[in-house]
Protein backbone atom coordinates (compact mmCIF):
# COMPACT_ATOMS: atom_id res chain seq x y z
CA MET A 1 100.52 106.71 94.07
CA PRO A 2 102.25 110.56 94.76
CA VAL A 3 101.89 111.62 98.71
CA ASP A 4 99.84 114.78 97.90
CA TYR A 5 96.67 111.77 97.15
CA PHE A 6 96.89 111.55 100.85
CA TYR A 7 97.55 115.00 102.20
CA VAL A 8 97.76 118.55 101.00
CA ARG A 9 99.82 120.61 102.88
CA LYS A 10 99.37 124.34 102.78
CA GLU A 11 101.65 127.34 104.40
CA SER A 12 101.58 131.04 104.93
CA GLY A 13 102.62 133.18 106.84
CA ASN A 14 102.48 131.47 110.60
CA LYS A 15 99.87 129.13 109.56
CA VAL A 16 99.97 125.74 108.17
CA GLU A 17 96.88 123.92 106.84
CA ILE A 18 97.06 120.11 106.08
CA GLU A 19 93.93 118.44 104.46
CA ILE A 20 93.51 114.93 104.49
CA LYS A 21 92.37 113.47 101.20
CA THR A 22 88.94 111.53 101.95
CA GLY A 23 89.35 109.29 98.57
CA ALA A 24 92.24 107.64 99.55
CA PHE A 25 90.22 106.27 102.74
CA TYR A 26 87.48 105.49 100.42
CA LEU A 27 89.19 103.38 98.10
CA LEU A 28 90.64 101.58 101.05
CA VAL A 29 87.45 100.45 102.57
CA ALA A 30 85.98 100.14 99.03
CA LEU A 31 89.20 97.50 98.78
CA ILE A 32 88.74 95.69 101.50
CA VAL A 33 84.56 95.32 100.54
CA GLY A 34 85.43 93.75 97.34
CA TRP A 35 87.68 91.58 99.44
CA MET A 36 85.54 90.09 101.50
CA GLY A 37 82.79 90.67 98.07
CA LEU A 38 85.22 87.95 96.43
CA ASN A 39 85.41 85.56 99.47
CA VAL A 40 82.67 85.44 99.83
CA ILE A 41 80.81 85.16 96.17
CA SER A 42 83.93 83.04 95.08
CA GLY A 43 83.45 80.85 97.89
CA SER A 44 87.24 80.39 97.93
CA ALA A 45 89.68 81.94 100.17
CA GLU A 46 92.22 81.45 97.22
CA THR A 47 90.97 84.89 94.72
CA GLY A 48 90.18 87.05 98.15
CA ALA A 49 94.03 86.04 98.94
CA SER A 50 95.12 87.39 95.44
CA VAL A 51 93.88 91.13 96.62
CA LEU A 52 94.92 90.90 99.55
CA PRO A 53 98.62 91.78 98.77
CA ILE A 54 97.02 94.75 97.49
CA ILE A 55 95.13 95.97 99.94
CA LEU A 56 98.03 95.18 102.71
CA VAL A 57 100.61 97.34 100.43
CA PHE A 58 98.46 99.46 100.15
CA MET A 59 98.06 100.37 104.21
CA VAL A 60 101.61 100.77 104.15
CA PHE A 61 102.39 103.33 102.28
CA ARG A 62 99.30 105.37 103.60
CA PHE A 63 101.14 104.63 106.74
CA PHE A 64 103.73 105.96 105.67
CA ALA A 65 102.66 108.99 103.39
CA LEU A 66 100.74 109.98 107.02
CA TRP A 67 103.85 109.29 109.17
CA LYS A 68 105.33 112.57 108.87
CA VAL A 69 101.47 114.98 109.55
CA GLN A 70 100.88 112.62 112.49
CA LYS A 71 104.49 113.35 114.45
CA GLU A 72 103.88 116.90 113.20
CA VAL A 73 99.97 117.01 114.60
CA LEU A 74 101.01 115.50 117.73
CA VAL A 75 103.77 117.96 118.44
CA ALA A 76 101.59 121.08 117.68
CA MET A 77 98.61 119.20 120.20
CA LYS A 78 101.41 119.17 122.36
CA GLN A 79 102.00 122.65 122.22
CA LYS A 80 98.37 123.75 122.53
CA GLN A 81 98.57 124.99 119.14
CA LEU A 82 96.83 122.34 116.90
CA GLU A 83 93.18 123.05 115.13
CA THR A 84 91.27 120.73 113.31
CA ARG A 85 88.08 120.97 111.35
CA GLY A 86 86.19 119.08 109.10
CA SER A 87 85.64 115.41 108.74
CA LYS A 88 87.69 112.07 107.78
CA PHE A 89 84.68 111.19 105.98
CA SER A 90 83.76 114.01 103.98
CA PHE A 91 84.30 115.02 100.30
CA ALA A 92 82.81 118.91 100.31
CA ASN A 93 84.74 119.52 104.41
CA PRO A 94 88.03 117.20 105.02
CA LEU A 95 89.57 116.61 107.98
CA THR A 96 91.87 119.70 108.22
CA TYR A 97 94.43 120.41 110.54
CA VAL A 98 95.59 124.00 111.17
CA ILE A 99 98.80 124.73 113.53
CA THR A 100 99.65 128.56 114.49
CA ARG A 101 103.20 128.65 114.85
CA SER A 102 104.13 130.93 117.33
CA GLU A 103 106.38 133.84 116.48
CA GLU A 104 109.48 133.83 118.53
């Protein structure tokens, strides 16, 4: 799974735009709902437990894929160079971090 499934980074001049992809979030939600559905429908914890490792691997991969982005966003936030727009839940207007770097 490539990292650009989780975010897209665009750099131009002194501005960096990082768009967090919404699809990965909804895939995680679908996996969790599917896991819960399997537990309820089958009435057996073993069936649901077979899907749990897939969910955990996806969550760990997503965590490490976004690790660098989150560190960069936290630094920009502390330096008051961060602007956010969009929504984590919207495909039409995804969450976007805009970091404006001061020219030194």
